Amino acid sequence: MTDNKVDTEKLILEAARKVFIRKGLDGARMQEIADEAGINKALLHYYFRSKDKLFKMVFREAMGKF
């Protein structure tokens, strides 16, 4: 994986974490996560096809810190 791809994934995951904390899974929107990350929604969907998959990845990362 290239550094740019890793950096973009980290950027998305951090933005998603912030939005999920504020809005929860049901209240969060992919557009809102893309806006928080400073990317367009198409790029967000390229990396994470669904909000559920993105949430699972954020959750896994959070659990890995414990």
N, C-alpha and C. Protein backbone atom coordinates (compact mmCIF):
# COMPACT_ATOMS: atom_id res chain seq x y z
N MET A 1 0.85 -1.18 0.00
CA MET A 1 0.00 0.00 0.00
C MET A 1 0.90 1.24 0.00
N THR A 2 0.56 2.22 -0.80
CA THR A 2 1.38 3.43 -0.88
C THR A 2 1.12 4.32 0.33
N ASP A 3 2.06 5.22 0.57
CA ASP A 3 1.91 6.15 1.70
C ASP A 3 0.68 7.03 1.54
N ASN A 4 0.40 7.47 0.31
CA ASN A 4 -0.78 8.32 0.08
C ASN A 4 -2.06 7.58 0.44
N LYS A 5 -2.14 6.31 0.06
CA LYS A 5 -3.34 5.53 0.36
C LYS A 5 -3.49 5.34 1.86
N VAL A 6 -2.40 5.04 2.54
CA VAL A 6 -2.44 4.88 3.99
C VAL A 6 -2.84 6.19 4.65
N ASP A 7 -2.27 7.30 4.21
CA ASP A 7 -2.60 8.61 4.77
C ASP A 7 -4.07 8.94 4.55
N THR A 8 -4.59 8.65 3.37
CA THR A 8 -6.00 8.93 3.08
C THR A 8 -6.91 8.07 3.95
N GLU A 9 -6.57 6.81 4.11
CA GLU A 9 -7.38 5.93 4.97
C GLU A 9 -7.38 6.43 6.41
N LYS A 10 -6.22 6.83 6.90
CA LYS A 10 -6.14 7.36 8.27
C LYS A 10 -6.96 8.63 8.41
N LEU A 11 -6.89 9.49 7.42
CA LEU A 11 -7.66 10.73 7.42
C LEU A 11 -9.16 10.43 7.47
N ILE A 12 -9.60 9.48 6.66
CA ILE A 12 -11.01 9.10 6.64
C ILE A 12 -11.42 8.49 7.97
N LEU A 13 -10.61 7.60 8.51
CA LEU A 13 -10.96 6.95 9.77
C LEU A 13 -11.06 7.95 10.91
N GLU A 14 -10.16 8.91 10.95
CA GLU A 14 -10.22 9.94 12.00
C GLU A 14 -11.46 10.81 11.84
N ALA A 15 -11.76 11.19 10.62
CA ALA A 15 -12.96 12.00 10.37
C ALA A 15 -14.21 11.21 10.74
N ALA A 16 -14.24 9.94 10.36
CA ALA A 16 -15.40 9.10 10.68
C ALA A 16 -15.56 8.94 12.18
N ARG A 17 -14.47 8.75 12.88
CA ARG A 17 -14.52 8.62 14.34
C ARG A 17 -15.17 9.84 14.96
N LYS A 18 -14.76 11.03 14.51
CA LYS A 18 -15.33 12.27 15.04
C LYS A 18 -16.83 12.37 14.76
N VAL A 19 -17.21 12.05 13.54
CA VAL A 19 -18.63 12.15 13.16
C VAL A 19 -19.45 11.10 13.91
N PHE A 20 -18.95 9.88 14.02
CA PHE A 20 -19.68 8.84 14.74
C PHE A 20 -19.84 9.21 16.22
N ILE A 21 -18.84 9.82 16.81
CA ILE A 21 -18.95 10.25 18.21
C ILE A 21 -20.04 11.31 18.34
N ARG A 22 -20.08 12.25 17.41
CA ARG A 22 -21.08 13.33 17.48
C ARG A 22 -22.48 12.85 17.15
N LYS A 23 -22.61 12.01 16.13
CA LYS A 23 -23.92 11.69 15.57
C LYS A 23 -24.39 10.25 15.79
N GLY A 24 -23.47 9.36 16.12
CA GLY A 24 -23.83 7.95 16.21
C GLY A 24 -23.88 7.32 14.83
N LEU A 25 -24.03 6.01 14.80
CA LEU A 25 -24.06 5.30 13.51
C LEU A 25 -25.25 5.73 12.66
N ASP A 26 -26.41 5.77 13.25
CA ASP A 26 -27.62 6.11 12.48
C ASP A 26 -27.65 7.56 12.03
N GLY A 27 -27.11 8.46 12.84
CA GLY A 27 -27.17 9.89 12.51
C GLY A 27 -26.08 10.36 11.56
N ALA A 28 -24.99 9.60 11.48
CA ALA A 28 -23.87 9.99 10.62
C ALA A 28 -24.23 9.76 9.15
N ARG A 29 -23.75 10.63 8.30
CA ARG A 29 -23.94 10.52 6.86
C ARG A 29 -22.57 10.47 6.19
N MET A 30 -22.48 9.72 5.11
CA MET A 30 -21.21 9.60 4.40
C MET A 30 -20.74 10.97 3.89
N GLN A 31 -21.65 11.81 3.45
CA GLN A 31 -21.27 13.14 2.98
C GLN A 31 -20.65 13.95 4.12
N GLU A 32 -21.20 13.82 5.30
CA GLU A 32 -20.67 14.52 6.46
C GLU A 32 -19.26 14.04 6.80
N ILE A 33 -19.03 12.75 6.70
CA ILE A 33 -17.70 12.19 6.95
C ILE A 33 -16.72 12.68 5.88
N ALA A 34 -17.15 12.68 4.64
CA ALA A 34 -16.30 13.19 3.55
C ALA A 34 -15.96 14.65 3.78
N ASP A 35 -16.93 15.45 4.17
CA ASP A 35 -16.69 16.87 4.44
C ASP A 35 -15.70 17.04 5.58
N GLU A 36 -15.85 16.27 6.63
CA GLU A 36 -14.95 16.33 7.79
C GLU A 36 -13.52 15.98 7.38
N ALA A 37 -13.39 15.02 6.46
CA ALA A 37 -12.06 14.59 5.99
C ALA A 37 -11.49 15.52 4.92
N GLY A 38 -12.34 16.38 4.35
CA GLY A 38 -11.88 17.28 3.30
C GLY A 38 -11.71 16.59 1.95
N ILE A 39 -12.50 15.56 1.73
CA ILE A 39 -12.45 14.82 0.46
C ILE A 39 -13.85 14.77 -0.13
N ASN A 40 -13.95 14.31 -1.39
CA ASN A 40 -15.29 14.17 -1.96
C ASN A 40 -15.86 12.80 -1.62
N LYS A 41 -17.17 12.70 -1.72
CA LYS A 41 -17.87 11.48 -1.32
C LYS A 41 -17.47 10.29 -2.19
N ALA A 42 -17.18 10.52 -3.46
CA ALA A 42 -16.77 9.42 -4.34
C ALA A 42 -15.48 8.77 -3.83
N LEU A 43 -14.53 9.59 -3.38
CA LEU A 43 -13.28 9.05 -2.85
C LEU A 43 -13.54 8.27 -1.56
N LEU A 44 -14.42 8.78 -0.73
CA LEU A 44 -14.78 8.06 0.50
C LEU A 44 -15.34 6.68 0.16
N HIS A 45 -16.23 6.62 -0.82
CA HIS A 45 -16.82 5.34 -1.22
C HIS A 45 -15.81 4.43 -1.90
N TYR A 46 -14.77 4.98 -2.51
CA TYR A 46 -13.71 4.17 -3.08
C TYR A 46 -12.99 3.38 -1.98
N TYR A 47 -12.74 4.05 -0.86
CA TYR A 47 -12.03 3.42 0.26
C TYR A 47 -12.95 2.55 1.12
N PHE A 48 -14.16 3.02 1.35
CA PHE A 48 -15.10 2.31 2.21
C PHE A 48 -16.46 2.30 1.53
N ARG A 49 -16.88 1.15 1.06
CA ARG A 49 -18.10 1.04 0.25
C ARG A 49 -19.38 1.34 1.02
N SER A 50 -19.36 1.17 2.34
CA SER A 50 -20.58 1.41 3.10
C SER A 50 -20.25 2.03 4.46
N LYS A 51 -21.22 2.69 5.02
CA LYS A 51 -21.07 3.30 6.34
C LYS A 51 -20.85 2.22 7.39
N ASP A 52 -21.52 1.09 7.25
CA ASP A 52 -21.36 0.00 8.21
C ASP A 52 -19.92 -0.53 8.23
N LYS A 53 -19.34 -0.71 7.05
CA LYS A 53 -17.95 -1.18 6.98
C LYS A 53 -17.00 -0.15 7.60
N LEU A 54 -17.26 1.11 7.34
CA LEU A 54 -16.44 2.17 7.90
C LEU A 54 -16.56 2.18 9.42
N PHE A 55 -17.78 2.05 9.93
CA PHE A 55 -18.00 2.02 11.37
C PHE A 55 -17.26 0.85 12.01
N LYS A 56 -17.33 -0.32 11.38
CA LYS A 56 -16.64 -1.50 11.92
C LYS A 56 -15.13 -1.27 11.99
N MET A 57 -14.58 -0.63 10.98
CA MET A 57 -13.14 -0.36 10.98
C MET A 57 -12.77 0.63 12.08
N VAL A 58 -13.57 1.67 12.25
CA VAL A 58 -13.33 2.65 13.33
C VAL A 58 -13.42 1.94 14.68
N PHE A 59 -14.42 1.09 14.84
CA PHE A 59 -14.61 0.36 16.09
C PHE A 59 -13.42 -0.57 16.37
N ARG A 60 -12.97 -1.28 15.35
CA ARG A 60 -11.81 -2.18 15.51
C ARG A 60 -10.57 -1.41 15.95
N GLU A 61 -10.35 -0.26 15.33
CA GLU A 61 -9.19 0.56 15.70
C GLU A 61 -9.30 1.02 17.14
N ALA A 62 -10.49 1.44 17.53
CA ALA A 62 -10.70 1.91 18.91
C ALA A 62 -10.46 0.78 19.90
N MET A 63 -10.94 -0.40 19.59
CA MET A 63 -10.76 -1.55 20.49
C MET A 63 -9.29 -1.98 20.56
N GLY A 64 -8.57 -1.78 19.49
CA GLY A 64 -7.16 -2.14 19.47
C GLY A 64 -6.30 -1.26 20.36
N LYS A 65 -6.82 -0.11 20.74
CA LYS A 65 -6.06 0.81 21.60
C LYS A 65 -6.16 0.44 23.07
N PHE A 66 -7.04 -0.52 23.39
CA PHE A 66 -7.20 -0.93 24.79
C PHE A 66 -6.39 -2.15 25.11
